[in-house]
Amino acid sequence: INAEYMGHFLSVYFFFATMPQSHAQERRAKAKKNKEAGIVLDVSGKAKKDPNEMANCKLCSISMRVTKRNVELAAHADAKHPKNTFEECWPGQTHE
């Protein structure tokens, strides 16, 4: 085997051995790392809240499901605790 052929063979071998991943492979690898870390993302790539996450009202201790917009939490705060703010009723939660 001549040196020129061997040099060509090695350059082709190392090109394919170190070939970058496709976008789909990168996306799968990133999703696998996120899953192992406990991060859940929706289709658009934004972090999703845990579908079973519950919050307790600090004033009356009722448990309610945390949603994206927290409309139910805001309605509870307005109806049951009108003298208190949303943040006093549900600390750490946001609403629209």
Foldseek 3Di string as FASTA:
>chain_A
DDPVVVVVVVVVVVCVVPPDDDPVVVVVVVVVVCVVVVFDADPVRHTADDQADWFAFPPPGDIDTDHPAPPVLCVCCCPVPVVDDSCNGTPPDHHD
